[in-house]
Amino acid sequence: MKSLDISFDLDGTLLDNTDPDGRCLNPVVFNLIIMFAKNMKNVSVHFLSARPIHQQQEIANRIGISKHIDGFHVKGGSWKPDIHFDDQHGVELGDKNIIVRMK
């Protein structure tokens, strides 16, 4: 069975851009991460963000989902997921890109 790599952007996708500390979460995206990580055997969940990896890890620890994140990646690197969730319309980081709207 092929594994499916799914990645999520942080700022503007999982985290609210208007919160400088990154503590306000988009509950829909947060629940998607948990659903994919807990309920799908052939899915690996990653962060793909402009933030440095250590900041991504700190955020995952702070919001209690670090055990569900299989990898941390910086935008502009060579790693490419199968599906990427982002808030930027022009983004093409995955084979398939899903654009979310942050309220």
PDB file of N, CA and C in Angstrom:
ATOM      1  N   MET A   1       0.845  -1.173   0.000  1.00  0.00           N
ATOM      2  CA  MET A   1       0.000   0.000   0.000  1.00  0.00           C
ATOM      3  C   MET A   1       0.892   1.238   0.000  1.00  0.00           C
ATOM      4  N   LYS A   2       0.639   2.159  -0.923  1.00  0.00           N
ATOM      5  CA  LYS A   2       1.407   3.392  -1.016  1.00  0.00           C
ATOM      6  C   LYS A   2       1.014   4.334   0.115  1.00  0.00           C
ATOM      7  N   SER A   3       2.009   4.974   0.684  1.00  0.00           N
ATOM      8  CA  SER A   3       1.752   5.983   1.707  1.00  0.00           C
ATOM      9  C   SER A   3       1.496   7.324   1.034  1.00  0.00           C
ATOM     10  N   LEU A   4       0.598   8.091   1.602  1.00  0.00           N
ATOM     11  CA  LEU A   4       0.237   9.398   1.084  1.00  0.00           C
ATOM     12  C   LEU A   4       0.805  10.457   2.022  1.00  0.00           C
ATOM     13  N   ASP A   5       1.651  11.347   1.488  1.00  0.00           N
ATOM     14  CA  ASP A   5       2.221  12.438   2.282  1.00  0.00           C
ATOM     15  C   ASP A   5       1.348  13.667   2.149  1.00  0.00           C
ATOM     16  N   ILE A   6       0.833  14.141   3.293  1.00  0.00           N
ATOM     17  CA  ILE A   6      -0.002  15.335   3.331  1.00  0.00           C
ATOM     18  C   ILE A   6       0.709  16.375   4.186  1.00  0.00           C
ATOM     19  N   SER A   7       0.785  17.604   3.662  1.00  0.00           N
ATOM     20  CA  SER A   7       1.447  18.660   4.430  1.00  0.00           C
ATOM     21  C   SER A   7       0.507  19.841   4.638  1.00  0.00           C
ATOM     22  N   PHE A   8       0.792  20.567   5.717  1.00  0.00           N
ATOM     23  CA  PHE A   8       0.013  21.737   6.087  1.00  0.00           C
ATOM     24  C   PHE A   8       0.943  22.915   6.305  1.00  0.00           C
ATOM     25  N   ASP A   9       0.560  24.061   5.739  1.00  0.00           N
ATOM     26  CA  ASP A   9       1.236  25.313   6.019  1.00  0.00           C
ATOM     27  C   ASP A   9       0.824  25.760   7.422  1.00  0.00           C
ATOM     28  N   LEU A  10       1.638  26.569   8.049  1.00  0.00           N
ATOM     29  CA  LEU A  10       1.295  27.048   9.387  1.00  0.00           C
ATOM     30  C   LEU A  10       0.608  28.412   9.346  1.00  0.00           C
ATOM     31  N   ASP A  11       1.332  29.461   8.972  1.00  0.00           N
ATOM     32  CA  ASP A  11       0.811  30.824   9.060  1.00  0.00           C
ATOM     33  C   ASP A  11      -0.266  31.082   8.018  1.00  0.00           C
ATOM     34  N   GLY A  12      -1.462  31.412   8.508  1.00  0.00           N
ATOM     35  CA  GLY A  12      -2.592  31.682   7.631  1.00  0.00           C
ATOM     36  C   GLY A  12      -3.399  30.449   7.295  1.00  0.00           C
ATOM     37  N   THR A  13      -2.873  29.274   7.581  1.00  0.00           N
ATOM     38  CA  THR A  13      -3.584  28.028   7.303  1.00  0.00           C
ATOM     39  C   THR A  13      -3.993  27.374   8.623  1.00  0.00           C
ATOM     40  N   LEU A  14      -3.012  26.892   9.384  1.00  0.00           N
ATOM     41  CA  LEU A  14      -3.312  26.348  10.710  1.00  0.00           C
ATOM     42  C   LEU A  14      -3.388  27.464  11.745  1.00  0.00           C
ATOM     43  N   LEU A  15      -2.511  28.448  11.634  1.00  0.00           N
ATOM     44  CA  LEU A  15      -2.452  29.555  12.594  1.00  0.00           C
ATOM     45  C   LEU A  15      -3.016  30.825  11.977  1.00  0.00           C
ATOM     46  N   ASP A  16      -3.673  31.632  12.797  1.00  0.00           N
ATOM     47  CA  ASP A  16      -4.233  32.904  12.372  1.00  0.00           C
ATOM     48  C   ASP A  16      -3.104  33.917  12.196  1.00  0.00           C
ATOM     49  N   ASN A  17      -3.011  34.534  11.029  1.00  0.00           N
ATOM     50  CA  ASN A  17      -1.966  35.534  10.756  1.00  0.00           C
ATOM     51  C   ASN A  17      -2.060  36.766  11.643  1.00  0.00           C
ATOM     52  N   THR A  18      -3.235  37.038  12.202  1.00  0.00           N
ATOM     53  CA  THR A  18      -3.392  38.243  13.019  1.00  0.00           C
ATOM     54  C   THR A  18      -2.904  38.033  14.445  1.00  0.00           C
ATOM     55  N   ASP A  19      -2.525  36.825  14.794  1.00  0.00           N
ATOM     56  CA  ASP A  19      -2.034  36.506  16.134  1.00  0.00           C
ATOM     57  C   ASP A  19      -0.516  36.360  16.070  1.00  0.00           C
ATOM     58  N   PRO A  20       0.250  37.370  16.544  1.00  0.00           N
ATOM     59  CA  PRO A  20       1.702  37.331  16.400  1.00  0.00           C
ATOM     60  C   PRO A  20       2.368  36.163  17.124  1.00  0.00           C
ATOM     61  N   ASP A  21       1.729  35.616  18.138  1.00  0.00           N
ATOM     62  CA  ASP A  21       2.304  34.499  18.872  1.00  0.00           C
ATOM     63  C   ASP A  21       1.906  33.142  18.293  1.00  0.00           C
ATOM     64  N   GLY A  22       1.030  33.144  17.306  1.00  0.00           N
ATOM     65  CA  GLY A  22       0.618  31.886  16.676  1.00  0.00           C
ATOM     66  C   GLY A  22      -0.122  30.965  17.620  1.00  0.00           C
ATOM     67  N   ARG A  23      -1.003  31.527  18.426  1.00  0.00           N
ATOM     68  CA  ARG A  23      -1.753  30.708  19.382  1.00  0.00           C
ATOM     69  C   ARG A  23      -3.214  30.508  18.982  1.00  0.00           C
ATOM     70  N   CYS A  24      -3.689  31.250  17.999  1.00  0.00           N
ATOM     71  CA  CYS A  24      -5.075  31.141  17.549  1.00  0.00           C
ATOM     72  C   CYS A  24      -5.116  30.171  16.367  1.00  0.00           C
ATOM     73  N   LEU A  25      -5.798  29.053  16.548  1.00  0.00           N
ATOM     74  CA  LEU A  25      -5.830  27.997  15.543  1.00  0.00           C
ATOM     75  C   LEU A  25      -7.088  28.049  14.687  1.00  0.00           C
ATOM     76  N   ASN A  26      -6.960  27.603  13.446  1.00  0.00           N
ATOM     77  CA  ASN A  26      -8.108  27.363  12.594  1.00  0.00           C
ATOM     78  C   ASN A  26      -8.610  25.966  12.976  1.00  0.00           C
ATOM     79  N   PRO A  27      -9.778  25.868  13.619  1.00  0.00           N
ATOM     80  CA  PRO A  27     -10.233  24.560  14.121  1.00  0.00           C
ATOM     81  C   PRO A  27     -10.485  23.537  13.021  1.00  0.00           C
ATOM     82  N   VAL A  28     -10.888  23.974  11.852  1.00  0.00           N
ATOM     83  CA  VAL A  28     -11.141  23.030  10.760  1.00  0.00           C
ATOM     84  C   VAL A  28      -9.836  22.361  10.336  1.00  0.00           C
ATOM     85  N   VAL A  29      -8.782  23.148  10.150  1.00  0.00           N
ATOM     86  CA  VAL A  29      -7.484  22.600   9.740  1.00  0.00           C
ATOM     87  C   VAL A  29      -6.915  21.732  10.859  1.00  0.00           C
ATOM     88  N   PHE A  30      -7.031  22.193  12.098  1.00  0.00           N
ATOM     89  CA  PHE A  30      -6.545  21.410  13.235  1.00  0.00           C
ATOM     90  C   PHE A  30      -7.230  20.041  13.264  1.00  0.00           C
ATOM     91  N   ASN A  31      -8.544  20.014  13.083  1.00  0.00           N
ATOM     92  CA  ASN A  31      -9.283  18.749  13.090  1.00  0.00           C
ATOM     93  C   ASN A  31      -8.912  17.864  11.904  1.00  0.00           C
ATOM     94  N   LEU A  32      -8.600  18.457  10.756  1.00  0.00           N
ATOM     95  CA  LEU A  32      -8.142  17.671   9.607  1.00  0.00           C
ATOM     96  C   LEU A  32      -6.829  16.962   9.930  1.00  0.00           C
ATOM     97  N   ILE A  33      -5.912  17.693  10.553  1.00  0.00           N
ATOM     98  CA  ILE A  33      -4.626  17.094  10.922  1.00  0.00           C
ATOM     99  C   ILE A  33      -4.851  15.894  11.832  1.00  0.00           C
ATOM    100  N   ILE A  34      -5.672  16.070  12.847  1.00  0.00           N
ATOM    101  CA  ILE A  34      -5.948  14.984  13.793  1.00  0.00           C
ATOM    102  C   ILE A  34      -6.635  13.819  13.084  1.00  0.00           C
ATOM    103  N   MET A  35      -7.603  14.119  12.220  1.00  0.00           N
ATOM    104  CA  MET A  35      -8.315  13.056  11.511  1.00  0.00           C
ATOM    105  C   MET A  35      -7.362  12.240  10.636  1.00  0.00           C
ATOM    106  N   PHE A  36      -6.547  12.926   9.835  1.00  0.00           N
ATOM    107  CA  PHE A  36      -5.607  12.209   8.973  1.00  0.00           C
ATOM    108  C   PHE A  36      -4.627  11.390   9.804  1.00  0.00           C
ATOM    109  N   ALA A  37      -4.099  11.982  10.864  1.00  0.00           N
ATOM    110  CA  ALA A  37      -3.062  11.323  11.657  1.00  0.00           C
ATOM    111  C   ALA A  37      -3.599  10.119  12.430  1.00  0.00           C
ATOM    112  N   LYS A  38      -4.787  10.235  12.982  1.00  0.00           N
ATOM    113  CA  LYS A  38      -5.305   9.167  13.843  1.00  0.00           C
ATOM    114  C   LYS A  38      -6.083   8.089  13.101  1.00  0.00           C
ATOM    115  N   ASN A  39      -6.728   8.437  12.003  1.00  0.00           N
ATOM    116  CA  ASN A  39      -7.683   7.523  11.384  1.00  0.00           C
ATOM    117  C   ASN A  39      -7.256   6.916  10.051  1.00  0.00           C
ATOM    118  N   MET A  40      -6.152   7.377   9.499  1.00  0.00           N
ATOM    119  CA  MET A  40      -5.739   6.887   8.193  1.00  0.00           C
ATOM    120  C   MET A  40      -4.382   6.192   8.308  1.00  0.00           C
ATOM    121  N   LYS A  41      -4.354   4.903   8.029  1.00  0.00           N
ATOM    122  CA  LYS A  41      -3.127   4.123   8.192  1.00  0.00           C
ATOM    123  C   LYS A  41      -2.068   4.454   7.148  1.00  0.00           C
ATOM    124  N   ASN A  42      -2.477   4.802   5.949  1.00  0.00           N
ATOM    125  CA  ASN A  42      -1.510   5.008   4.876  1.00  0.00           C
ATOM    126  C   ASN A  42      -1.201   6.487   4.631  1.00  0.00           C
ATOM    127  N   VAL A  43      -1.437   7.347   5.619  1.00  0.00           N
ATOM    128  CA  VAL A  43      -1.203   8.779   5.482  1.00  0.00           C
ATOM    129  C   VAL A  43      -0.148   9.225   6.485  1.00  0.00           C
ATOM    130  N   SER A  44       0.820  10.016   6.002  1.00  0.00           N
ATOM    131  CA  SER A  44       1.755  10.654   6.921  1.00  0.00           C
ATOM    132  C   SER A  44       1.532  12.160   6.843  1.00  0.00           C
ATOM    133  N   VAL A  45       1.507  12.803   8.005  1.00  0.00           N
ATOM    134  CA  VAL A  45       1.175  14.218   8.125  1.00  0.00           C
ATOM    135  C   VAL A  45       2.449  15.013   8.408  1.00  0.00           C
ATOM    136  N   HIS A  46       2.618  16.101   7.658  1.00  0.00           N
ATOM    137  CA  HIS A  46       3.821  16.924   7.762  1.00  0.00           C
ATOM    138  C   HIS A  46       3.449  18.393   7.852  1.00  0.00           C
ATOM    139  N   PHE A  47       4.365  19.201   8.380  1.00  0.00           N
ATOM    140  CA  PHE A  47       4.282  20.652   8.269  1.00  0.00           C
ATOM    141  C   PHE A  47       5.228  21.067   7.161  1.00  0.00           C
ATOM    142  N   LEU A  48       4.790  21.985   6.311  1.00  0.00           N
ATOM    143  CA  LEU A  48       5.619  22.571   5.257  1.00  0.00           C
ATOM    144  C   LEU A  48       5.375  24.070   5.334  1.00  0.00           C
ATOM    145  N   SER A  49       6.333  24.788   5.895  1.00  0.00           N
ATOM    146  CA  SER A  49       6.136  26.183   6.250  1.00  0.00           C
ATOM    147  C   SER A  49       7.389  26.997   5.947  1.00  0.00           C
ATOM    148  N   ALA A  50       7.228  28.309   5.887  1.00  0.00           N
ATOM    149  CA  ALA A  50       8.380  29.203   5.754  1.00  0.00           C
ATOM    150  C   ALA A  50       9.123  29.334   7.090  1.00  0.00           C
ATOM    151  N   ARG A  51       8.481  28.926   8.165  1.00  0.00           N
ATOM    152  CA  ARG A  51       9.134  28.981   9.483  1.00  0.00           C
ATOM    153  C   ARG A  51      10.258  27.950   9.562  1.00  0.00           C
ATOM    154  N   PRO A  52      11.312  28.260  10.324  1.00  0.00           N
ATOM    155  CA  PRO A  52      12.371  27.264  10.543  1.00  0.00           C
ATOM    156  C   PRO A  52      11.806  26.024  11.247  1.00  0.00           C
ATOM    157  N   ILE A  53      12.471  24.909  11.055  1.00  0.00           N
ATOM    158  CA  ILE A  53      11.990  23.639  11.603  1.00  0.00           C
ATOM    159  C   ILE A  53      11.834  23.694  13.114  1.00  0.00           C
ATOM    160  N   HIS A  54      12.763  24.324  13.840  1.00  0.00           N
ATOM    161  CA  HIS A  54      12.645  24.360  15.300  1.00  0.00           C
ATOM    162  C   HIS A  54      11.387  25.121  15.737  1.00  0.00           C
ATOM    163  N   GLN A  55      10.980  26.151  14.995  1.00  0.00           N
ATOM    164  CA  GLN A  55       9.739  26.857  15.330  1.00  0.00           C
ATOM    165  C   GLN A  55       8.517  25.990  15.028  1.00  0.00           C
ATOM    166  N   GLN A  56       8.566  25.238  13.940  1.00  0.00           N
ATOM    167  CA  GLN A  56       7.472  24.326  13.616  1.00  0.00           C
ATOM    168  C   GLN A  56       7.306  23.289  14.729  1.00  0.00           C
ATOM    169  N   GLN A  57       8.423  22.757  15.200  1.00  0.00           N
ATOM    170  CA  GLN A  57       8.386  21.763  16.275  1.00  0.00           C
ATOM    171  C   GLN A  57       7.847  22.364  17.569  1.00  0.00           C
ATOM    172  N   GLU A  58       8.237  23.598  17.876  1.00  0.00           N
ATOM    173  CA  GLU A  58       7.727  24.280  19.075  1.00  0.00           C
ATOM    174  C   GLU A  58       6.214  24.454  18.997  1.00  0.00           C
ATOM    175  N   ILE A  59       5.709  24.835  17.830  1.00  0.00           N
ATOM    176  CA  ILE A  59       4.264  25.016  17.658  1.00  0.00           C
ATOM    177  C   ILE A  59       3.546  23.677  17.823  1.00  0.00           C
ATOM    178  N   ALA A  60       4.061  22.628  17.192  1.00  0.00           N
ATOM    179  CA  ALA A  60       3.441  21.302  17.320  1.00  0.00           C
ATOM    180  C   ALA A  60       3.411  20.859  18.776  1.00  0.00           C
ATOM    181  N   ASN A  61       4.488  21.101  19.513  1.00  0.00           N
ATOM    182  CA  ASN A  61       4.526  20.761  20.938  1.00  0.00           C
ATOM    183  C   ASN A  61       3.528  21.586  21.731  1.00  0.00           C
ATOM    184  N   ARG A  62       3.471  22.883  21.464  1.00  0.00           N
ATOM    185  CA  ARG A  62       2.607  23.790  22.220  1.00  0.00           C
ATOM    186  C   ARG A  62       1.134  23.446  22.044  1.00  0.00           C
ATOM    187  N   ILE A  63       0.743  23.051  20.823  1.00  0.00           N
ATOM    188  CA  ILE A  63      -0.677  22.755  20.599  1.00  0.00           C
ATOM    189  C   ILE A  63      -1.002  21.270  20.785  1.00  0.00           C
ATOM    190  N   GLY A  64       0.004  20.491  21.155  1.00  0.00           N
ATOM    191  CA  GLY A  64      -0.230  19.102  21.553  1.00  0.00           C
ATOM    192  C   GLY A  64      -0.386  18.108  20.425  1.00  0.00           C
ATOM    193  N   ILE A  65       0.196  18.386  19.258  1.00  0.00           N
ATOM    194  CA  ILE A  65       0.042  17.437  18.151  1.00  0.00           C
ATOM    195  C   ILE A  65       1.383  16.913  17.637  1.00  0.00           C
ATOM    196  N   SER A  66       2.454  17.140  18.355  1.00  0.00           N
ATOM    197  CA  SER A  66       3.775  16.731  17.852  1.00  0.00           C
ATOM    198  C   SER A  66       3.846  15.229  17.574  1.00  0.00           C
ATOM    199  N   LYS A  67       3.147  14.414  18.356  1.00  0.00           N
ATOM    200  CA  LYS A  67       3.196  12.969  18.131  1.00  0.00           C
ATOM    201  C   LYS A  67       2.478  12.561  16.837  1.00  0.00           C
ATOM    202  N   HIS A  68       1.687  13.477  16.275  1.00  0.00           N
ATOM    203  CA  HIS A  68       0.949  13.185  15.049  1.00  0.00           C
ATOM    204  C   HIS A  68       1.645  13.707  13.790  1.00  0.00           C
ATOM    205  N   ILE A  69       2.722  14.462  13.965  1.00  0.00           N
ATOM    206  CA  ILE A  69       3.418  15.056  12.820  1.00  0.00           C
ATOM    207  C   ILE A  69       4.620  14.186  12.467  1.00  0.00           C
ATOM    208  N   ASP A  70       4.649  13.700  11.243  1.00  0.00           N
ATOM    209  CA  ASP A  70       5.704  12.781  10.797  1.00  0.00           C
ATOM    210  C   ASP A  70       6.937  13.493  10.250  1.00  0.00           C
ATOM    211  N   GLY A  71       6.812  14.773   9.919  1.00  0.00           N
ATOM    212  CA  GLY A  71       7.966  15.487   9.393  1.00  0.00           C
ATOM    213  C   GLY A  71       7.747  16.983   9.376  1.00  0.00           C
ATOM    214  N   PHE A  72       8.845  17.701   9.402  1.00  0.00           N
ATOM    215  CA  PHE A  72       8.842  19.163   9.382  1.00  0.00           C
ATOM    216  C   PHE A  72       9.732  19.598   8.224  1.00  0.00           C
ATOM    217  N   HIS A  73       9.209  20.477   7.366  1.00  0.00           N
ATOM    218  CA  HIS A  73       9.935  20.872   6.166  1.00  0.00           C
ATOM    219  C   HIS A  73       9.800  22.372   5.952  1.00  0.00           C
ATOM    220  N   VAL A  74      10.823  22.970   5.345  1.00  0.00           N
ATOM    221  CA  VAL A  74      10.819  24.400   5.058  1.00  0.00           C
ATOM    222  C   VAL A  74      10.500  24.603   3.579  1.00  0.00           C
ATOM    223  N   LYS A  75       9.602  25.557   3.305  1.00  0.00           N
ATOM    224  CA  LYS A  75       9.260  25.879   1.924  1.00  0.00           C
ATOM    225  C   LYS A  75      10.528  26.272   1.174  1.00  0.00           C
ATOM    226  N   GLY A  76      10.622  25.842  -0.049  1.00  0.00           N
ATOM    227  CA  GLY A  76      11.795  26.126  -0.860  1.00  0.00           C
ATOM    228  C   GLY A  76      12.777  24.967  -0.898  1.00  0.00           C
ATOM    229  N   GLY A  77      12.542  23.968  -0.049  1.00  0.00           N
ATOM    230  CA  GLY A  77      13.398  22.779  -0.047  1.00  0.00           C
ATOM    231  C   GLY A  77      12.985  21.823  -1.156  1.00  0.00           C
ATOM    232  N   SER A  78      13.621  20.668  -1.183  1.00  0.00           N
ATOM    233  CA  SER A  78      13.365  19.713  -2.268  1.00  0.00           C
ATOM    234  C   SER A  78      12.216  18.743  -1.967  1.00  0.00           C
ATOM    235  N   TRP A  79      11.776  18.645  -0.714  1.00  0.00           N
ATOM    236  CA  TRP A  79      10.712  17.703  -0.364  1.00  0.00           C
ATOM    237  C   TRP A  79       9.381  18.174  -0.937  1.00  0.00           C
ATOM    238  N   LYS A  80       8.606  17.237  -1.481  1.00  0.00           N
ATOM    239  CA  LYS A  80       7.317  17.569  -2.084  1.00  0.00           C
ATOM    240  C   LYS A  80       6.265  16.556  -1.640  1.00  0.00           C
ATOM    241  N   PRO A  81       5.169  17.036  -1.031  1.00  0.00           N
ATOM    242  CA  PRO A  81       4.109  16.131  -0.599  1.00  0.00           C
ATOM    243  C   PRO A  81       3.178  15.759  -1.756  1.00  0.00           C
ATOM    244  N   ASP A  82       2.327  14.779  -1.488  1.00  0.00           N
ATOM    245  CA  ASP A  82       1.287  14.429  -2.458  1.00  0.00           C
ATOM    246  C   ASP A  82       0.171  15.480  -2.446  1.00  0.00           C
ATOM    247  N   ILE A  83      -0.202  15.919  -1.244  1.00  0.00           N
ATOM    248  CA  ILE A  83      -1.251  16.929  -1.071  1.00  0.00           C
ATOM    249  C   ILE A  83      -0.742  17.972  -0.094  1.00  0.00           C
ATOM    250  N   HIS A  84      -0.924  19.252  -0.444  1.00  0.00           N
ATOM    251  CA  HIS A  84      -0.503  20.336   0.444  1.00  0.00           C
ATOM    252  C   HIS A  84      -1.673  21.283   0.688  1.00  0.00           C
ATOM    253  N   PHE A  85      -1.896  21.645   1.962  1.00  0.00           N
ATOM    254  CA  PHE A  85      -2.921  22.609   2.354  1.00  0.00           C
ATOM    255  C   PHE A  85      -2.236  23.938   2.648  1.00  0.00           C
ATOM    256  N   ASP A  86      -2.720  25.016   2.029  1.00  0.00           N
ATOM    257  CA  ASP A  86      -2.108  26.334   2.200  1.00  0.00           C
ATOM    258  C   ASP A  86      -3.189  27.396   2.053  1.00  0.00           C
ATOM    259  N   ASP A  87      -2.888  28.610   2.504  1.00  0.00           N
ATOM    260  CA  ASP A  87      -3.836  29.718   2.354  1.00  0.00           C
ATOM    261  C   ASP A  87      -3.489  30.608   1.161  1.00  0.00           C
ATOM    262  N   GLN A  88      -2.353  30.380   0.529  1.00  0.00           N
ATOM    263  CA  GLN A  88      -1.907  31.200  -0.596  1.00  0.00           C
ATOM    264  C   GLN A  88      -2.388  30.585  -1.919  1.00  0.00           C
ATOM    265  N   HIS A  89      -3.066  31.390  -2.722  1.00  0.00           N
ATOM    266  CA  HIS A  89      -3.647  30.879  -3.969  1.00  0.00           C
ATOM    267  C   HIS A  89      -2.609  30.441  -4.988  1.00  0.00           C
ATOM    268  N   GLY A  90      -1.464  31.106  -5.037  1.00  0.00           N
ATOM    269  CA  GLY A  90      -0.479  30.782  -6.055  1.00  0.00           C
ATOM    270  C   GLY A  90       0.458  29.653  -5.690  1.00  0.00           C
ATOM    271  N   VAL A  91       0.223  29.018  -4.570  1.00  0.00           N
ATOM    272  CA  VAL A  91       1.147  27.997  -4.077  1.00  0.00           C
ATOM    273  C   VAL A  91       0.978  26.700  -4.849  1.00  0.00           C
ATOM    274  N   GLU A  92       2.094  26.100  -5.228  1.00  0.00           N
ATOM    275  CA  GLU A  92       2.071  24.790  -5.874  1.00  0.00           C
ATOM    276  C   GLU A  92       3.206  23.968  -5.297  1.00  0.00           C
ATOM    277  N   LEU A  93       3.064  23.598  -4.048  1.00  0.00           N
ATOM    278  CA  LEU A  93       4.116  22.870  -3.347  1.00  0.00           C
ATOM    279  C   LEU A  93       3.908  21.366  -3.369  1.00  0.00           C
ATOM    280  N   GLY A  94       2.675  20.934  -3.592  1.00  0.00           N
ATOM    281  CA  GLY A  94       2.378  19.505  -3.637  1.00  0.00           C
ATOM    282  C   GLY A  94       1.920  19.093  -5.020  1.00  0.00           C
ATOM    283  N   ASP A  95       1.764  17.788  -5.209  1.00  0.00           N
ATOM    284  CA  ASP A  95       1.189  17.312  -6.470  1.00  0.00           C
ATOM    285  C   ASP A  95      -0.231  17.856  -6.620  1.00  0.00           C
ATOM    286  N   LYS A  96      -0.951  17.918  -5.508  1.00  0.00           N
ATOM    287  CA  LYS A  96      -2.282  18.535  -5.437  1.00  0.00           C
ATOM    288  C   LYS A  96      -2.222  19.578  -4.323  1.00  0.00           C
ATOM    289  N   ASN A  97      -2.804  20.742  -4.563  1.00  0.00           N
ATOM    290  CA  ASN A  97      -2.773  21.823  -3.582  1.00  0.00           C
ATOM    291  C   ASN A  97      -4.192  22.235  -3.243  1.00  0.00           C
ATOM    292  N   ILE A  98      -4.495  22.257  -1.958  1.00  0.00           N
ATOM    293  CA  ILE A  98      -5.824  22.627  -1.488  1.00  0.00           C
ATOM    294  C   ILE A  98      -5.678  23.963  -0.754  1.00  0.00           C
ATOM    295  N   ILE A  99      -6.452  24.941  -1.192  1.00  0.00           N
ATOM    296  CA  ILE A  99      -6.373  26.276  -0.628  1.00  0.00           C
ATOM    297  C   ILE A  99      -7.487  26.434   0.402  1.00  0.00           C
ATOM    298  N   VAL A 100      -7.103  26.844   1.608  1.00  0.00           N
ATOM    299  CA  VAL A 100      -8.064  27.074   2.681  1.00  0.00           C
ATOM    300  C   VAL A 100      -8.253  28.569   2.869  1.00  0.00           C
ATOM    301  N   ARG A 101      -9.381  28.927   3.432  1.00  0.00           N
ATOM    302  CA  ARG A 101      -9.670  30.331   3.703  1.00  0.00           C
ATOM    303  C   ARG A 101      -9.670  30.528   5.209  1.00  0.00           C
ATOM    304  N   MET A 102      -8.832  31.425   5.666  1.00  0.00           N
ATOM    305  CA  MET A 102      -8.749  31.708   7.098  1.00  0.00           C
ATOM    306  C   MET A 102      -9.722  32.831   7.406  1.00  0.00           C
ATOM    307  N   LYS A 103     -10.500  32.685   8.476  1.00  0.00           N
ATOM    308  CA  LYS A 103     -11.457  33.723   8.876  1.00  0.00           C
ATOM    309  C   LYS A 103     -10.766  34.757   9.727  1.00  0.00           C
TER     310      LYS A 103
END
